[in-house]
Amino acid sequence: MARKKTKSNHGRAPGKTQISISLPEDLVSKIDKIADVENRNRSNFIATHLESLADDQEAAEPAGTFKTAKKAAKKAAKKATKKKR
C-alpha cells in the first residue's frame, strides 16, 4: 500500500509558513536594533508587528470586509496547494 504524502514544514513550528521579502538595508538594520533591545529575533519581531497591524486593520474596517479578504486568501491558498499535488 502506498504511503500518503504528508506536507513537510522543514523543521518549522506547526502552523508556520516561511516567506521571503526584500527590504531596504537601513530598515533591516533598524528592525535588528529594536529586536535586539527587546531580546527578540528578527522573525519574531516582524511577525508580531505584522499581526498587530492586521488586527488593527481588521478592527478599523467595516464589518465583513477584512474577513471576506481573509477568507478569499485562504481559498486561494487551498487552491494553490491542490494544484501542487
N, C-alpha and C. Protein backbone atom coordinates (compact mmCIF):
# COMPACT_ATOMS: atom_id res chain seq x y z
N MET A 1 0.86 -1.19 0.00
CA MET A 1 0.00 0.00 0.00
C MET A 1 0.89 1.24 0.00
N ALA A 2 0.61 2.20 -0.84
CA ALA A 2 1.42 3.42 -0.95
C ALA A 2 1.21 4.31 0.27
N ARG A 3 2.30 4.93 0.68
CA ARG A 3 2.22 5.85 1.81
C ARG A 3 1.63 7.17 1.35
N LYS A 4 0.81 7.74 2.19
CA LYS A 4 0.22 9.05 1.90
C LYS A 4 1.28 10.12 2.11
N LYS A 5 1.40 11.01 1.14
CA LYS A 5 2.36 12.10 1.27
C LYS A 5 1.87 13.08 2.33
N THR A 6 2.77 13.49 3.18
CA THR A 6 2.43 14.49 4.19
C THR A 6 3.20 15.76 3.89
N LYS A 7 2.60 16.86 4.21
CA LYS A 7 3.23 18.15 3.98
C LYS A 7 4.33 18.36 5.01
N SER A 8 5.52 18.64 4.56
CA SER A 8 6.64 18.88 5.45
C SER A 8 6.77 20.36 5.73
N ASN A 9 7.04 20.72 6.97
CA ASN A 9 7.25 22.13 7.29
C ASN A 9 8.73 22.43 7.50
N HIS A 10 9.58 21.50 7.12
CA HIS A 10 11.04 21.68 7.15
C HIS A 10 11.55 22.17 8.51
N GLY A 11 11.05 21.58 9.57
CA GLY A 11 11.54 21.88 10.90
C GLY A 11 10.92 23.11 11.56
N ARG A 12 10.02 23.78 10.88
CA ARG A 12 9.36 24.94 11.48
C ARG A 12 8.25 24.49 12.40
N ALA A 13 7.85 25.40 13.26
CA ALA A 13 6.76 25.11 14.18
C ALA A 13 5.48 24.86 13.37
N PRO A 14 4.62 23.97 13.86
CA PRO A 14 3.36 23.71 13.16
C PRO A 14 2.57 25.00 12.97
N GLY A 15 1.96 25.14 11.81
CA GLY A 15 1.14 26.31 11.54
C GLY A 15 1.92 27.52 11.06
N LYS A 16 3.21 27.37 10.86
CA LYS A 16 4.05 28.49 10.41
C LYS A 16 4.42 28.30 8.94
N THR A 17 4.50 29.39 8.22
CA THR A 17 4.89 29.37 6.81
C THR A 17 6.06 30.31 6.62
N GLN A 18 7.06 29.86 5.92
CA GLN A 18 8.22 30.70 5.64
C GLN A 18 7.96 31.49 4.37
N ILE A 19 8.26 32.79 4.42
CA ILE A 19 8.13 33.64 3.24
C ILE A 19 9.44 34.38 3.02
N SER A 20 9.58 34.97 1.87
CA SER A 20 10.77 35.74 1.55
C SER A 20 10.34 37.12 1.07
N ILE A 21 10.92 38.15 1.65
CA ILE A 21 10.63 39.52 1.22
C ILE A 21 11.94 40.29 1.09
N SER A 22 11.91 41.32 0.29
CA SER A 22 13.08 42.19 0.15
C SER A 22 12.78 43.51 0.86
N LEU A 23 13.71 43.91 1.70
CA LEU A 23 13.56 45.16 2.46
C LEU A 23 14.82 46.00 2.29
N PRO A 24 14.68 47.32 2.39
CA PRO A 24 15.86 48.18 2.34
C PRO A 24 16.81 47.84 3.51
N GLU A 25 18.10 47.90 3.24
CA GLU A 25 19.10 47.55 4.27
C GLU A 25 18.94 48.39 5.53
N ASP A 26 18.65 49.69 5.36
CA ASP A 26 18.52 50.55 6.54
C ASP A 26 17.32 50.14 7.40
N LEU A 27 16.24 49.65 6.77
CA LEU A 27 15.08 49.18 7.53
C LEU A 27 15.42 47.92 8.30
N VAL A 28 16.12 47.00 7.66
CA VAL A 28 16.52 45.76 8.33
C VAL A 28 17.42 46.08 9.52
N SER A 29 18.31 47.04 9.35
CA SER A 29 19.20 47.45 10.44
C SER A 29 18.40 47.99 11.62
N LYS A 30 17.41 48.82 11.32
CA LYS A 30 16.55 49.39 12.38
C LYS A 30 15.78 48.28 13.09
N ILE A 31 15.23 47.35 12.31
CA ILE A 31 14.47 46.23 12.88
C ILE A 31 15.37 45.40 13.79
N ASP A 32 16.58 45.10 13.33
CA ASP A 32 17.51 44.30 14.13
C ASP A 32 17.86 44.99 15.44
N LYS A 33 18.08 46.30 15.39
CA LYS A 33 18.42 47.03 16.61
C LYS A 33 17.28 47.00 17.61
N ILE A 34 16.07 47.25 17.13
CA ILE A 34 14.91 47.25 18.04
C ILE A 34 14.66 45.84 18.59
N ALA A 35 14.73 44.85 17.71
CA ALA A 35 14.52 43.46 18.14
C ALA A 35 15.55 43.06 19.19
N ASP A 36 16.79 43.49 19.00
CA ASP A 36 17.85 43.18 19.96
C ASP A 36 17.55 43.80 21.32
N VAL A 37 17.11 45.04 21.31
CA VAL A 37 16.76 45.73 22.57
C VAL A 37 15.62 44.98 23.28
N GLU A 38 14.68 44.46 22.49
CA GLU A 38 13.54 43.73 23.04
C GLU A 38 13.86 42.25 23.28
N ASN A 39 15.13 41.86 23.03
CA ASN A 39 15.59 40.48 23.22
C ASN A 39 14.75 39.49 22.40
N ARG A 40 14.52 39.87 21.12
CA ARG A 40 13.75 39.02 20.21
C ARG A 40 14.54 38.86 18.92
N ASN A 41 14.18 37.86 18.14
CA ASN A 41 14.83 37.73 16.84
C ASN A 41 14.05 38.51 15.79
N ARG A 42 14.66 38.70 14.65
CA ARG A 42 14.06 39.50 13.57
C ARG A 42 12.71 38.93 13.15
N SER A 43 12.65 37.63 12.96
CA SER A 43 11.42 36.99 12.51
C SER A 43 10.28 37.21 13.48
N ASN A 44 10.55 37.01 14.76
CA ASN A 44 9.53 37.20 15.78
C ASN A 44 9.07 38.65 15.82
N PHE A 45 10.01 39.56 15.74
CA PHE A 45 9.69 40.99 15.77
C PHE A 45 8.76 41.36 14.60
N ILE A 46 9.14 40.94 13.39
CA ILE A 46 8.34 41.28 12.21
C ILE A 46 6.96 40.62 12.28
N ALA A 47 6.93 39.33 12.62
CA ALA A 47 5.65 38.61 12.68
C ALA A 47 4.70 39.25 13.70
N THR A 48 5.23 39.60 14.87
CA THR A 48 4.40 40.20 15.92
C THR A 48 3.82 41.53 15.46
N HIS A 49 4.65 42.35 14.83
CA HIS A 49 4.18 43.66 14.40
C HIS A 49 3.22 43.56 13.21
N LEU A 50 3.44 42.62 12.32
CA LEU A 50 2.50 42.43 11.21
C LEU A 50 1.15 41.92 11.71
N GLU A 51 1.19 41.03 12.69
CA GLU A 51 -0.05 40.53 13.27
C GLU A 51 -0.82 41.66 13.95
N SER A 52 -0.12 42.51 14.68
CA SER A 52 -0.75 43.66 15.33
C SER A 52 -1.36 44.61 14.29
N LEU A 53 -0.62 44.85 13.21
CA LEU A 53 -1.11 45.70 12.14
C LEU A 53 -2.38 45.12 11.51
N ALA A 54 -2.36 43.81 11.26
CA ALA A 54 -3.53 43.15 10.67
C ALA A 54 -4.72 43.21 11.62
N ASP A 55 -4.48 43.01 12.92
CA ASP A 55 -5.56 43.09 13.91
C ASP A 55 -6.15 44.50 13.95
N ASP A 56 -5.28 45.51 13.92
CA ASP A 56 -5.75 46.90 13.93
C ASP A 56 -6.57 47.19 12.67
N GLN A 57 -6.10 46.69 11.53
CA GLN A 57 -6.80 46.91 10.26
C GLN A 57 -8.17 46.24 10.30
N GLU A 58 -8.20 45.03 10.84
CA GLU A 58 -9.46 44.29 10.93
C GLU A 58 -10.46 45.04 11.79
N ALA A 59 -9.99 45.62 12.90
CA ALA A 59 -10.87 46.36 13.80
C ALA A 59 -11.37 47.66 13.16
N ALA A 60 -10.55 48.26 12.29
CA ALA A 60 -10.90 49.54 11.69
C ALA A 60 -11.80 49.41 10.47
N GLU A 61 -11.82 48.25 9.83
CA GLU A 61 -12.59 48.07 8.61
C GLU A 61 -14.06 47.81 8.91
N PRO A 62 -14.92 48.17 7.97
CA PRO A 62 -16.35 47.86 8.14
C PRO A 62 -16.53 46.36 8.31
N ALA A 63 -17.53 45.98 9.04
CA ALA A 63 -17.80 44.57 9.33
C ALA A 63 -17.78 43.74 8.06
N GLY A 64 -17.04 42.66 8.09
CA GLY A 64 -17.02 41.71 6.99
C GLY A 64 -15.95 41.96 5.94
N THR A 65 -15.48 43.19 5.77
CA THR A 65 -14.54 43.48 4.69
C THR A 65 -13.24 42.71 4.86
N PHE A 66 -12.62 42.82 6.02
CA PHE A 66 -11.36 42.12 6.26
C PHE A 66 -11.57 40.62 6.27
N LYS A 67 -12.66 40.19 6.90
CA LYS A 67 -12.93 38.76 6.96
C LYS A 67 -13.14 38.18 5.57
N THR A 68 -13.80 38.92 4.71
CA THR A 68 -14.02 38.46 3.35
C THR A 68 -12.69 38.31 2.62
N ALA A 69 -11.81 39.29 2.76
CA ALA A 69 -10.49 39.22 2.12
C ALA A 69 -9.68 38.06 2.69
N LYS A 70 -9.77 37.87 3.99
CA LYS A 70 -9.04 36.79 4.66
C LYS A 70 -9.55 35.43 4.15
N LYS A 71 -10.87 35.31 4.01
CA LYS A 71 -11.47 34.07 3.52
C LYS A 71 -11.03 33.80 2.08
N ALA A 72 -11.00 34.84 1.25
CA ALA A 72 -10.58 34.70 -0.15
C ALA A 72 -9.12 34.27 -0.22
N ALA A 73 -8.28 34.81 0.65
CA ALA A 73 -6.86 34.44 0.66
C ALA A 73 -6.69 32.97 1.04
N LYS A 74 -7.45 32.51 2.03
CA LYS A 74 -7.38 31.11 2.44
C LYS A 74 -7.83 30.20 1.30
N LYS A 75 -8.89 30.61 0.60
CA LYS A 75 -9.41 29.81 -0.51
C LYS A 75 -8.36 29.72 -1.62
N ALA A 76 -7.71 30.83 -1.92
CA ALA A 76 -6.67 30.84 -2.97
C ALA A 76 -5.49 29.97 -2.57
N ALA A 77 -5.12 30.00 -1.30
CA ALA A 77 -4.01 29.18 -0.81
C ALA A 77 -4.34 27.70 -0.93
N LYS A 78 -5.58 27.34 -0.59
CA LYS A 78 -6.00 25.95 -0.71
C LYS A 78 -5.96 25.50 -2.17
N LYS A 79 -6.43 26.37 -3.05
CA LYS A 79 -6.45 26.05 -4.47
C LYS A 79 -5.02 25.85 -5.00
N ALA A 80 -4.10 26.70 -4.57
CA ALA A 80 -2.71 26.60 -4.99
C ALA A 80 -2.08 25.31 -4.47
N THR A 81 -2.43 24.92 -3.26
CA THR A 81 -1.90 23.70 -2.67
C THR A 81 -2.39 22.48 -3.45
N LYS A 82 -3.66 22.49 -3.84
CA LYS A 82 -4.22 21.38 -4.60
C LYS A 82 -3.54 21.24 -5.95
N LYS A 83 -3.17 22.36 -6.58
CA LYS A 83 -2.51 22.32 -7.88
C LYS A 83 -1.12 21.69 -7.79
N LYS A 84 -0.45 21.86 -6.64
CA LYS A 84 0.89 21.31 -6.46
C LYS A 84 0.89 19.79 -6.39
N ARG A 85 -0.22 19.22 -5.99
CA ARG A 85 -0.29 17.76 -5.81
C ARG A 85 -0.35 17.06 -7.08
